[in-house]
Amino acid sequence: DERLKKIPDDLDLKPYRDYHDYDLLQRMDRALTRSSTPRTMASKAFR
């Protein structure tokens, strides 16, 4: 889904980890690296 662009910086990732959703985590990571993503949305700890 192309609408997956703006991810909260402190979102708990346990649901995606326990669900073994590797591809979705990859997509979330790509969303954070886009130039349009605010710097605050891609904190070092979250990344």
ModelCIF file with pLDDT and N, C-alpha, C, O atoms, coordinates in Angstrom:
data_MODEL
#
_entry.id   MODEL 
#
_entity.id                         1 
_entity.type                       polymer 
_entity.pdbx_number_of_molecules   1 
#
_entity_poly.entity_id                      1 
_entity_poly.type                           'polypeptide(L)' 
_entity_poly.nstd_linkage                   no 
_entity_poly.nstd_monomer                   no 
_entity_poly.pdbx_seq_one_letter_code       DERLKKIPDDLDLKPYRDYHDYDLLQRMDRALTRSSTPRTMASKAFR 
_entity_poly.pdbx_seq_one_letter_code_can   DERLKKIPDDLDLKPYRDYHDYDLLQRMDRALTRSSTPRTMASKAFR 
_entity_poly.pdbx_strand_id                 A 
#
loop_
_entity_poly_seq.entity_id 
_entity_poly_seq.num 
_entity_poly_seq.mon_id 
_entity_poly_seq.hetero 
1 1  ASP n 
1 2  GLU n 
1 3  ARG n 
1 4  LEU n 
1 5  LYS n 
1 6  LYS n 
1 7  ILE n 
1 8  PRO n 
1 9  ASP n 
1 10 ASP n 
1 11 LEU n 
1 12 ASP n 
1 13 LEU n 
1 14 LYS n 
1 15 PRO n 
1 16 TYR n 
1 17 ARG n 
1 18 ASP n 
1 19 TYR n 
1 20 HIS n 
1 21 ASP n 
1 22 TYR n 
1 23 ASP n 
1 24 LEU n 
1 25 LEU n 
1 26 GLN n 
1 27 ARG n 
1 28 MET n 
1 29 ASP n 
1 30 ARG n 
1 31 ALA n 
1 32 LEU n 
1 33 THR n 
1 34 ARG n 
1 35 SER n 
1 36 SER n 
1 37 THR n 
1 38 PRO n 
1 39 ARG n 
1 40 THR n 
1 41 MET n 
1 42 ALA n 
1 43 SER n 
1 44 LYS n 
1 45 ALA n 
1 46 PHE n 
1 47 ARG n 
#
_struct_asym.id          A 
_struct_asym.entity_id   1 
#
loop_
_ma_qa_metric.id 
_ma_qa_metric.mode 
_ma_qa_metric.name 
_ma_qa_metric.software_group_id 
_ma_qa_metric.type 
1 global pLDDT . pLDDT 
2 local  pLDDT . pLDDT 
#
_ma_qa_metric_global.metric_id      1 
_ma_qa_metric_global.metric_value   73.21 
_ma_qa_metric_global.model_id       1 
_ma_qa_metric_global.ordinal_id     1 
#
loop_
_ma_qa_metric_local.label_asym_id 
_ma_qa_metric_local.label_comp_id 
_ma_qa_metric_local.label_seq_id 
_ma_qa_metric_local.metric_id 
_ma_qa_metric_local.metric_value 
_ma_qa_metric_local.model_id 
_ma_qa_metric_local.ordinal_id 
A ASP 1  2 63.00 1 1  
A GLU 2  2 64.00 1 2  
A ARG 3  2 69.00 1 3  
A LEU 4  2 79.00 1 4  
A LYS 5  2 82.00 1 5  
A LYS 6  2 87.00 1 6  
A ILE 7  2 88.00 1 7  
A PRO 8  2 89.00 1 8  
A ASP 9  2 85.00 1 9  
A ASP 10 2 90.00 1 10 
A LEU 11 2 92.00 1 11 
A ASP 12 2 92.00 1 12 
A LEU 13 2 88.00 1 13 
A LYS 14 2 89.00 1 14 
A PRO 15 2 89.00 1 15 
A TYR 16 2 84.00 1 16 
A ARG 17 2 81.00 1 17 
A ASP 18 2 82.00 1 18 
A TYR 19 2 77.00 1 19 
A HIS 20 2 73.00 1 20 
A ASP 21 2 75.00 1 21 
A TYR 22 2 73.00 1 22 
A ASP 23 2 78.00 1 23 
A LEU 24 2 80.00 1 24 
A LEU 25 2 78.00 1 25 
A GLN 26 2 77.00 1 26 
A ARG 27 2 80.00 1 27 
A MET 28 2 79.00 1 28 
A ASP 29 2 75.00 1 29 
A ARG 30 2 76.00 1 30 
A ALA 31 2 75.00 1 31 
A LEU 32 2 70.00 1 32 
A THR 33 2 68.00 1 33 
A ARG 34 2 63.00 1 34 
A SER 35 2 44.00 1 35 
A SER 36 2 52.00 1 36 
A THR 37 2 49.00 1 37 
A PRO 38 2 51.00 1 38 
A ARG 39 2 49.00 1 39 
A THR 40 2 47.00 1 40 
A MET 41 2 49.00 1 41 
A ALA 42 2 55.00 1 42 
A SER 43 2 67.00 1 43 
A LYS 44 2 72.00 1 44 
A ALA 45 2 71.00 1 45 
A PHE 46 2 72.00 1 46 
A ARG 47 2 73.00 1 47 
#
loop_
_atom_site.group_PDB 
_atom_site.id 
_atom_site.type_symbol 
_atom_site.label_atom_id 
_atom_site.label_alt_id 
_atom_site.label_comp_id 
_atom_site.label_asym_id 
_atom_site.label_entity_id 
_atom_site.label_seq_id 
_atom_site.pdbx_PDB_ins_code 
_atom_site.Cartn_x 
_atom_site.Cartn_y 
_atom_site.Cartn_z 
_atom_site.occupancy 
_atom_site.B_iso_or_equiv 
_atom_site.pdbx_formal_charge 
_atom_site.auth_seq_id 
_atom_site.auth_comp_id 
_atom_site.auth_asym_id 
_atom_site.auth_atom_id 
_atom_site.pdbx_PDB_model_num 
ATOM 1   N N  . ASP A 1 1  ? 0.824  -1.203  0.000  1.00 63.00 ? 1  ASP A N  1 
ATOM 2   C CA . ASP A 1 1  ? 0.000  0.000   0.000  1.00 63.00 ? 1  ASP A CA 1 
ATOM 3   C C  . ASP A 1 1  ? 0.859  1.253   0.000  1.00 63.00 ? 1  ASP A C  1 
ATOM 4   O O  . ASP A 1 1  ? 1.689  1.446   0.888  1.00 63.00 ? 1  ASP A O  1 
ATOM 5   N N  . GLU A 1 2  ? 0.656  2.100   -0.994 1.00 64.00 ? 2  GLU A N  1 
ATOM 6   C CA . GLU A 1 2  ? 1.457  3.314   -1.115 1.00 64.00 ? 2  GLU A CA 1 
ATOM 7   C C  . GLU A 1 2  ? 1.110  4.354   -0.047 1.00 64.00 ? 2  GLU A C  1 
ATOM 8   O O  . GLU A 1 2  ? 1.831  5.339   0.114  1.00 64.00 ? 2  GLU A O  1 
ATOM 9   N N  . ARG A 1 3  ? 0.023  4.143   0.676  1.00 69.00 ? 3  ARG A N  1 
ATOM 10  C CA . ARG A 1 3  ? -0.351 5.114   1.711  1.00 69.00 ? 3  ARG A CA 1 
ATOM 11  C C  . ARG A 1 3  ? 0.472  4.948   2.985  1.00 69.00 ? 3  ARG A C  1 
ATOM 12  O O  . ARG A 1 3  ? 0.356  5.762   3.901  1.00 69.00 ? 3  ARG A O  1 
ATOM 13  N N  . LEU A 1 4  ? 1.284  3.928   3.056  1.00 79.00 ? 4  LEU A N  1 
ATOM 14  C CA . LEU A 1 4  ? 2.102  3.687   4.246  1.00 79.00 ? 4  LEU A CA 1 
ATOM 15  C C  . LEU A 1 4  ? 3.349  4.564   4.179  1.00 79.00 ? 4  LEU A C  1 
ATOM 16  O O  . LEU A 1 4  ? 4.401  4.121   3.718  1.00 79.00 ? 4  LEU A O  1 
ATOM 17  N N  . LYS A 1 5  ? 3.228  5.801   4.637  1.00 82.00 ? 5  LYS A N  1 
ATOM 18  C CA . LYS A 1 5  ? 4.302  6.773   4.484  1.00 82.00 ? 5  LYS A CA 1 
ATOM 19  C C  . LYS A 1 5  ? 4.703  7.456   5.791  1.00 82.00 ? 5  LYS A C  1 
ATOM 20  O O  . LYS A 1 5  ? 5.861  7.835   5.969  1.00 82.00 ? 5  LYS A O  1 
ATOM 21  N N  . LYS A 1 6  ? 3.766  7.608   6.681  1.00 87.00 ? 6  LYS A N  1 
ATOM 22  C CA . LYS A 1 6  ? 4.003  8.421   7.877  1.00 87.00 ? 6  LYS A CA 1 
ATOM 23  C C  . LYS A 1 6  ? 3.858  7.546   9.123  1.00 87.00 ? 6  LYS A C  1 
ATOM 24  O O  . LYS A 1 6  ? 2.750  7.332   9.615  1.00 87.00 ? 6  LYS A O  1 
ATOM 25  N N  . ILE A 1 7  ? 4.982  7.044   9.624  1.00 88.00 ? 7  ILE A N  1 
ATOM 26  C CA . ILE A 1 7  ? 4.986  6.111   10.749 1.00 88.00 ? 7  ILE A CA 1 
ATOM 27  C C  . ILE A 1 7  ? 5.338  6.862   12.033 1.00 88.00 ? 7  ILE A C  1 
ATOM 28  O O  . ILE A 1 7  ? 6.300  7.631   12.035 1.00 88.00 ? 7  ILE A O  1 
ATOM 29  N N  . PRO A 1 8  ? 4.598  6.669   13.120 1.00 89.00 ? 8  PRO A N  1 
ATOM 30  C CA . PRO A 1 8  ? 4.961  7.347   14.375 1.00 89.00 ? 8  PRO A CA 1 
ATOM 31  C C  . PRO A 1 8  ? 6.290  6.866   14.920 1.00 89.00 ? 8  PRO A C  1 
ATOM 32  O O  . PRO A 1 8  ? 6.645  5.693   14.803 1.00 89.00 ? 8  PRO A O  1 
ATOM 33  N N  . ASP A 1 9  ? 7.003  7.778   15.506 1.00 85.00 ? 9  ASP A N  1 
ATOM 34  C CA . ASP A 1 9  ? 8.366  7.509   15.975 1.00 85.00 ? 9  ASP A CA 1 
ATOM 35  C C  . ASP A 1 9  ? 8.418  6.522   17.123 1.00 85.00 ? 9  ASP A C  1 
ATOM 36  O O  . ASP A 1 9  ? 9.413  5.816   17.285 1.00 85.00 ? 9  ASP A O  1 
ATOM 37  N N  . ASP A 1 10 ? 7.365  6.460   17.920 1.00 90.00 ? 10 ASP A N  1 
ATOM 38  C CA . ASP A 1 10 ? 7.397  5.600   19.107 1.00 90.00 ? 10 ASP A CA 1 
ATOM 39  C C  . ASP A 1 10 ? 6.410  4.431   19.003 1.00 90.00 ? 10 ASP A C  1 
ATOM 40  O O  . ASP A 1 10 ? 6.010  3.872   20.024 1.00 90.00 ? 10 ASP A O  1 
ATOM 41  N N  . LEU A 1 11 ? 6.020  4.062   17.793 1.00 92.00 ? 11 LEU A N  1 
ATOM 42  C CA . LEU A 1 11 ? 5.085  2.958   17.607 1.00 92.00 ? 11 LEU A CA 1 
ATOM 43  C C  . LEU A 1 11 ? 5.682  1.660   18.143 1.00 92.00 ? 11 LEU A C  1 
ATOM 44  O O  . LEU A 1 11 ? 6.828  1.328   17.838 1.00 92.00 ? 11 LEU A O  1 
ATOM 45  N N  . ASP A 1 12 ? 4.914  0.933   18.933 1.00 92.00 ? 12 ASP A N  1 
ATOM 46  C CA . ASP A 1 12 ? 5.368  -0.352  19.468 1.00 92.00 ? 12 ASP A CA 1 
ATOM 47  C C  . ASP A 1 12 ? 5.361  -1.373  18.324 1.00 92.00 ? 12 ASP A C  1 
ATOM 48  O O  . ASP A 1 12 ? 4.330  -1.593  17.688 1.00 92.00 ? 12 ASP A O  1 
ATOM 49  N N  . LEU A 1 13 ? 6.506  -1.985  18.074 1.00 88.00 ? 13 LEU A N  1 
ATOM 50  C CA . LEU A 1 13 ? 6.639  -2.918  16.953 1.00 88.00 ? 13 LEU A CA 1 
ATOM 51  C C  . LEU A 1 13 ? 6.370  -4.374  17.341 1.00 88.00 ? 13 LEU A C  1 
ATOM 52  O O  . LEU A 1 13 ? 6.464  -5.265  16.497 1.00 88.00 ? 13 LEU A O  1 
ATOM 53  N N  . LYS A 1 14 ? 6.042  -4.616  18.587 1.00 89.00 ? 14 LYS A N  1 
ATOM 54  C CA . LYS A 1 14 ? 5.838  -6.002  19.030 1.00 89.00 ? 14 LYS A CA 1 
ATOM 55  C C  . LYS A 1 14 ? 4.782  -6.743  18.209 1.00 89.00 ? 14 LYS A C  1 
ATOM 56  O O  . LYS A 1 14 ? 4.998  -7.910  17.882 1.00 89.00 ? 14 LYS A O  1 
ATOM 57  N N  . PRO A 1 15 ? 3.644  -6.120  17.858 1.00 89.00 ? 15 PRO A N  1 
ATOM 58  C CA . PRO A 1 15 ? 2.665  -6.859  17.042 1.00 89.00 ? 15 PRO A CA 1 
ATOM 59  C C  . PRO A 1 15 ? 3.246  -7.361  15.729 1.00 89.00 ? 15 PRO A C  1 
ATOM 60  O O  . PRO A 1 15 ? 2.944  -8.479  15.312 1.00 89.00 ? 15 PRO A O  1 
ATOM 61  N N  . TYR A 1 16 ? 4.066  -6.564  15.076 1.00 84.00 ? 16 TYR A N  1 
ATOM 62  C CA . TYR A 1 16 ? 4.625  -6.956  13.782 1.00 84.00 ? 16 TYR A CA 1 
ATOM 63  C C  . TYR A 1 16 ? 5.741  -7.984  13.967 1.00 84.00 ? 16 TYR A C  1 
ATOM 64  O O  . TYR A 1 16 ? 5.935  -8.861  13.125 1.00 84.00 ? 16 TYR A O  1 
ATOM 65  N N  . ARG A 1 17 ? 6.467  -7.866  15.071 1.00 81.00 ? 17 ARG A N  1 
ATOM 66  C CA . ARG A 1 17 ? 7.522  -8.830  15.369 1.00 81.00 ? 17 ARG A CA 1 
ATOM 67  C C  . ARG A 1 17 ? 6.924  -10.190 15.699 1.00 81.00 ? 17 ARG A C  1 
ATOM 68  O O  . ARG A 1 17 ? 7.334  -11.208 15.140 1.00 81.00 ? 17 ARG A O  1 
ATOM 69  N N  . ASP A 1 18 ? 5.943  -10.206 16.619 1.00 82.00 ? 18 ASP A N  1 
ATOM 70  C CA . ASP A 1 18 ? 5.352  -11.474 17.028 1.00 82.00 ? 18 ASP A CA 1 
ATOM 71  C C  . ASP A 1 18 ? 4.545  -12.115 15.905 1.00 82.00 ? 18 ASP A C  1 
ATOM 72  O O  . ASP A 1 18 ? 4.357  -13.331 15.884 1.00 82.00 ? 18 ASP A O  1 
ATOM 73  N N  . TYR A 1 19 ? 4.073  -11.302 14.985 1.00 77.00 ? 19 TYR A N  1 
ATOM 74  C CA . TYR A 1 19 ? 3.325  -11.827 13.842 1.00 77.00 ? 19 TYR A CA 1 
ATOM 75  C C  . TYR A 1 19 ? 4.269  -12.261 12.730 1.00 77.00 ? 19 TYR A C  1 
ATOM 76  O O  . TYR A 1 19 ? 3.823  -12.767 11.700 1.00 77.00 ? 19 TYR A O  1 
ATOM 77  N N  . HIS A 1 20 ? 5.584  -12.065 12.928 1.00 73.00 ? 20 HIS A N  1 
ATOM 78  C CA . HIS A 1 20 ? 6.611  -12.423 11.950 1.00 73.00 ? 20 HIS A CA 1 
ATOM 79  C C  . HIS A 1 20 ? 6.355  -11.758 10.598 1.00 73.00 ? 20 HIS A C  1 
ATOM 80  O O  . HIS A 1 20 ? 6.458  -12.387 9.545  1.00 73.00 ? 20 HIS A O  1 
ATOM 81  N N  . ASP A 1 21 ? 6.020  -10.478 10.658 1.00 75.00 ? 21 ASP A N  1 
ATOM 82  C CA . ASP A 1 21 ? 5.701  -9.740  9.436  1.00 75.00 ? 21 ASP A CA 1 
ATOM 83  C C  . ASP A 1 21 ? 6.950  -9.010  8.938  1.00 75.00 ? 21 ASP A C  1 
ATOM 84  O O  . ASP A 1 21 ? 7.043  -7.785  9.014  1.00 75.00 ? 21 ASP A O  1 
ATOM 85  N N  . TYR A 1 22 ? 7.892  -9.776  8.437  1.00 73.00 ? 22 TYR A N  1 
ATOM 86  C CA . TYR A 1 22 ? 9.172  -9.238  7.980  1.00 73.00 ? 22 TYR A CA 1 
ATOM 87  C C  . TYR A 1 22 ? 8.988  -8.217  6.856  1.00 73.00 ? 22 TYR A C  1 
ATOM 88  O O  . TYR A 1 22 ? 9.595  -7.147  6.880  1.00 73.00 ? 22 TYR A O  1 
ATOM 89  N N  . ASP A 1 23 ? 8.158  -8.547  5.880  1.00 78.00 ? 23 ASP A N  1 
ATOM 90  C CA . ASP A 1 23 ? 7.978  -7.653  4.736  1.00 78.00 ? 23 ASP A CA 1 
ATOM 91  C C  . ASP A 1 23 ? 7.383  -6.312  5.153  1.00 78.00 ? 23 ASP A C  1 
ATOM 92  O O  . ASP A 1 23 ? 7.764  -5.267  4.625  1.00 78.00 ? 23 ASP A O  1 
ATOM 93  N N  . LEU A 1 24 ? 6.457  -6.345  6.092  1.00 80.00 ? 24 LEU A N  1 
ATOM 94  C CA . LEU A 1 24 ? 5.855  -5.095  6.541  1.00 80.00 ? 24 LEU A CA 1 
ATOM 95  C C  . LEU A 1 24 ? 6.871  -4.240  7.279  1.00 80.00 ? 24 LEU A C  1 
ATOM 96  O O  . LEU A 1 24 ? 6.884  -3.021  7.107  1.00 80.00 ? 24 LEU A O  1 
ATOM 97  N N  . LEU A 1 25 ? 7.719  -4.844  8.092  1.00 78.00 ? 25 LEU A N  1 
ATOM 98  C CA . LEU A 1 25 ? 8.759  -4.086  8.772  1.00 78.00 ? 25 LEU A CA 1 
ATOM 99  C C  . LEU A 1 25 ? 9.728  -3.462  7.762  1.00 78.00 ? 25 LEU A C  1 
ATOM 100 O O  . LEU A 1 25 ? 10.205 -2.345  7.965  1.00 78.00 ? 25 LEU A O  1 
ATOM 101 N N  . GLN A 1 26 ? 10.010 -4.168  6.701  1.00 77.00 ? 26 GLN A N  1 
ATOM 102 C CA . GLN A 1 26 ? 10.853 -3.606  5.643  1.00 77.00 ? 26 GLN A CA 1 
ATOM 103 C C  . GLN A 1 26 ? 10.194 -2.383  5.031  1.00 77.00 ? 26 GLN A C  1 
ATOM 104 O O  . GLN A 1 26 ? 10.843 -1.368  4.781  1.00 77.00 ? 26 GLN A O  1 
ATOM 105 N N  . ARG A 1 27 ? 8.915  -2.494  4.799  1.00 80.00 ? 27 ARG A N  1 
ATOM 106 C CA . ARG A 1 27 ? 8.170  -1.376  4.195  1.00 80.00 ? 27 ARG A CA 1 
ATOM 107 C C  . ARG A 1 27 ? 8.158  -0.164  5.131  1.00 80.00 ? 27 ARG A C  1 
ATOM 108 O O  . ARG A 1 27 ? 8.305  0.974   4.684  1.00 80.00 ? 27 ARG A O  1 
ATOM 109 N N  . MET A 1 28 ? 7.984  -0.416  6.420  1.00 79.00 ? 28 MET A N  1 
ATOM 110 C CA . MET A 1 28 ? 7.993  0.666   7.392  1.00 79.00 ? 28 MET A CA 1 
ATOM 111 C C  . MET A 1 28 ? 9.361  1.341   7.409  1.00 79.00 ? 28 MET A C  1 
ATOM 112 O O  . MET A 1 28 ? 9.457  2.562   7.527  1.00 79.00 ? 28 MET A O  1 
ATOM 113 N N  . ASP A 1 29 ? 10.413 0.542   7.292  1.00 75.00 ? 29 ASP A N  1 
ATOM 114 C CA . ASP A 1 29 ? 11.756 1.107   7.277  1.00 75.00 ? 29 ASP A CA 1 
ATOM 115 C C  . ASP A 1 29 ? 11.956 1.985   6.048  1.00 75.00 ? 29 ASP A C  1 
ATOM 116 O O  . ASP A 1 29 ? 12.546 3.061   6.143  1.00 75.00 ? 29 ASP A O  1 
ATOM 117 N N  . ARG A 1 30 ? 11.469 1.532   4.896  1.00 76.00 ? 30 ARG A N  1 
ATOM 118 C CA . ARG A 1 30 ? 11.597 2.340   3.682  1.00 76.00 ? 30 ARG A CA 1 
ATOM 119 C C  . ARG A 1 30 ? 10.817 3.639   3.805  1.00 76.00 ? 30 ARG A C  1 
ATOM 120 O O  . ARG A 1 30 ? 11.241 4.677   3.297  1.00 76.00 ? 30 ARG A O  1 
ATOM 121 N N  . ALA A 1 31 ? 9.661  3.578   4.489  1.00 75.00 ? 31 ALA A N  1 
ATOM 122 C CA . ALA A 1 31 ? 8.862  4.794   4.675  1.00 75.00 ? 31 ALA A CA 1 
ATOM 123 C C  . ALA A 1 31 ? 9.635  5.827   5.496  1.00 75.00 ? 31 ALA A C  1 
ATOM 124 O O  . ALA A 1 31 ? 9.522  7.029   5.254  1.00 75.00 ? 31 ALA A O  1 
ATOM 125 N N  . LEU A 1 32 ? 10.409 5.359   6.456  1.00 70.00 ? 32 LEU A N  1 
ATOM 126 C CA . LEU A 1 32 ? 11.165 6.278   7.306  1.00 70.00 ? 32 LEU A CA 1 
ATOM 127 C C  . LEU A 1 32 ? 12.366 6.890   6.587  1.00 70.00 ? 32 LEU A C  1 
ATOM 128 O O  . LEU A 1 32 ? 12.855 7.946   6.987  1.00 70.00 ? 32 LEU A O  1 
ATOM 129 N N  . THR A 1 33 ? 12.839 6.237   5.536  1.00 68.00 ? 33 THR A N  1 
ATOM 130 C CA . THR A 1 33 ? 14.018 6.749   4.838  1.00 68.00 ? 33 THR A CA 1 
ATOM 131 C C  . THR A 1 33 ? 13.672 7.704   3.705  1.00 68.00 ? 33 THR A C  1 
ATOM 132 O O  . THR A 1 33 ? 14.563 8.317   3.118  1.00 68.00 ? 33 THR A O  1 
ATOM 133 N N  . ARG A 1 34 ? 12.389 7.836   3.392  1.00 63.00 ? 34 ARG A N  1 
ATOM 134 C CA . ARG A 1 34 ? 12.007 8.756   2.324  1.00 63.00 ? 34 ARG A CA 1 
ATOM 135 C C  . ARG A 1 34 ? 12.361 10.185  2.709  1.00 63.00 ? 34 ARG A C  1 
ATOM 136 O O  . ARG A 1 34 ? 12.324 10.566  3.879  1.00 63.00 ? 34 ARG A O  1 
ATOM 137 N N  . SER A 1 35 ? 12.697 10.944  1.715  1.00 44.00 ? 35 SER A N  1 
ATOM 138 C CA . SER A 1 35 ? 13.078 12.332  1.973  1.00 44.00 ? 35 SER A CA 1 
ATOM 139 C C  . SER A 1 35 ? 11.925 13.148  2.526  1.00 44.00 ? 35 SER A C  1 
ATOM 140 O O  . SER A 1 35 ? 12.141 14.155  3.201  1.00 44.00 ? 35 SER A O  1 
ATOM 141 N N  . SER A 1 36 ? 10.688 12.714  2.242  1.00 52.00 ? 36 SER A N  1 
ATOM 142 C CA . SER A 1 36 ? 9.521  13.463  2.713  1.00 52.00 ? 36 SER A CA 1 
ATOM 143 C C  . SER A 1 36 ? 9.210  13.191  4.180  1.00 52.00 ? 36 SER A C  1 
ATOM 144 O O  . SER A 1 36 ? 8.388  13.882  4.781  1.00 52.00 ? 36 SER A O  1 
ATOM 145 N N  . THR A 1 37 ? 9.864  12.187  4.755  1.00 49.00 ? 37 THR A N  1 
ATOM 146 C CA . THR A 1 37 ? 9.614  11.866  6.155  1.00 49.00 ? 37 THR A CA 1 
ATOM 147 C C  . THR A 1 37 ? 10.329 12.859  7.063  1.00 49.00 ? 37 THR A C  1 
ATOM 148 O O  . THR A 1 37 ? 11.540 13.041  6.944  1.00 49.00 ? 37 THR A O  1 
ATOM 149 N N  . PRO A 1 38 ? 9.596  13.504  7.969  1.00 51.00 ? 38 PRO A N  1 
ATOM 150 C CA . PRO A 1 38 ? 10.242 14.456  8.872  1.00 51.00 ? 38 PRO A CA 1 
ATOM 151 C C  . PRO A 1 38 ? 11.369 13.804  9.663  1.00 51.00 ? 38 PRO A C  1 
ATOM 152 O O  . PRO A 1 38 ? 11.303 12.617  9.983  1.00 51.00 ? 38 PRO A O  1 
ATOM 153 N N  . ARG A 1 39 ? 12.390 14.569  9.974  1.00 49.00 ? 39 ARG A N  1 
ATOM 154 C CA . ARG A 1 39 ? 13.539 14.033  10.708 1.00 49.00 ? 39 ARG A CA 1 
ATOM 155 C C  . ARG A 1 39 ? 13.110 13.426  12.043 1.00 49.00 ? 39 ARG A C  1 
ATOM 156 O O  . ARG A 1 39 ? 13.672 12.421  12.479 1.00 49.00 ? 39 ARG A O  1 
ATOM 157 N N  . THR A 1 40 ? 12.114 14.035  12.692 1.00 47.00 ? 40 THR A N  1 
ATOM 158 C CA . THR A 1 40 ? 11.682 13.534  13.993 1.00 47.00 ? 40 THR A CA 1 
ATOM 159 C C  . THR A 1 40 ? 11.001 12.184  13.881 1.00 47.00 ? 40 THR A C  1 
ATOM 160 O O  . THR A 1 40 ? 10.867 11.476  14.880 1.00 47.00 ? 40 THR A O  1 
ATOM 161 N N  . MET A 1 41 ? 10.564 11.809  12.669 1.00 49.00 ? 41 MET A N  1 
ATOM 162 C CA . MET A 1 41 ? 9.870  10.544  12.503 1.00 49.00 ? 41 MET A CA 1 
ATOM 163 C C  . MET A 1 41 ? 10.857 9.387   12.354 1.00 49.00 ? 41 MET A C  1 
ATOM 164 O O  . MET A 1 41 ? 10.446 8.227   12.335 1.00 49.00 ? 41 MET A O  1 
ATOM 165 N N  . ALA A 1 42 ? 12.124 9.681   12.251 1.00 55.00 ? 42 ALA A N  1 
ATOM 166 C CA . ALA A 1 42 ? 13.106 8.630   12.016 1.00 55.00 ? 42 ALA A CA 1 
ATOM 167 C C  . ALA A 1 42 ? 14.208 8.682   13.070 1.00 55.00 ? 42 ALA A C  1 
ATOM 168 O O  . ALA A 1 42 ? 15.389 8.792   12.740 1.00 55.00 ? 42 ALA A O  1 
ATOM 169 N N  . SER A 1 43 ? 13.817 8.605   14.320 1.00 67.00 ? 43 SER A N  1 
ATOM 170 C CA . SER A 1 43 ? 14.796 8.673   15.385 1.00 67.00 ? 43 SER A CA 1 
ATOM 171 C C  . SER A 1 43 ? 15.749 7.496   15.313 1.00 67.00 ? 43 SER A C  1 
ATOM 172 O O  . SER A 1 43 ? 15.405 6.437   14.789 1.00 67.00 ? 43 SER A O  1 
ATOM 173 N N  . LYS A 1 44 ? 16.932 7.683   15.835 1.00 72.00 ? 44 LYS A N  1 
ATOM 174 C CA . LYS A 1 44 ? 17.956 6.646   15.796 1.00 72.00 ? 44 LYS A CA 1 
ATOM 175 C C  . LYS A 1 44 ? 17.496 5.395   16.538 1.00 72.00 ? 44 LYS A C  1 
ATOM 176 O O  . LYS A 1 44 ? 17.737 4.276   16.083 1.00 72.00 ? 44 LYS A O  1 
ATOM 177 N N  . ALA A 1 45 ? 16.836 5.582   17.675 1.00 71.00 ? 45 ALA A N  1 
ATOM 178 C CA . ALA A 1 45 ? 16.398 4.439   18.475 1.00 71.00 ? 45 ALA A CA 1 
ATOM 179 C C  . ALA A 1 45 ? 15.354 3.611   17.737 1.00 71.00 ? 45 ALA A C  1 
ATOM 180 O O  . ALA A 1 45 ? 15.396 2.380   17.750 1.00 71.00 ? 45 ALA A O  1 
ATOM 181 N N  . PHE A 1 46 ? 14.413 4.307   17.090 1.00 72.00 ? 46 PHE A N  1 
ATOM 182 C CA . PHE A 1 46 ? 13.355 3.600   16.383 1.00 72.00 ? 46 PHE A CA 1 
ATOM 183 C C  . PHE A 1 46 ? 13.907 2.859   15.174 1.00 72.00 ? 46 PHE A C  1 
ATOM 184 O O  . PHE A 1 46 ? 13.522 1.720   14.908 1.00 72.00 ? 46 PHE A O  1 
ATOM 185 N N  . ARG A 1 47 ? 14.806 3.505   14.445 1.00 73.00 ? 47 ARG A N  1 
ATOM 186 C CA . ARG A 1 47 ? 15.427 2.872   13.286 1.00 73.00 ? 47 ARG A CA 1 
ATOM 187 C C  . ARG A 1 47 ? 16.246 1.652   13.720 1.00 73.00 ? 47 ARG A C  1 
ATOM 188 O O  . ARG A 1 47 ? 16.849 0.982   12.881 1.00 73.00 ? 47 ARG A O  1 
#
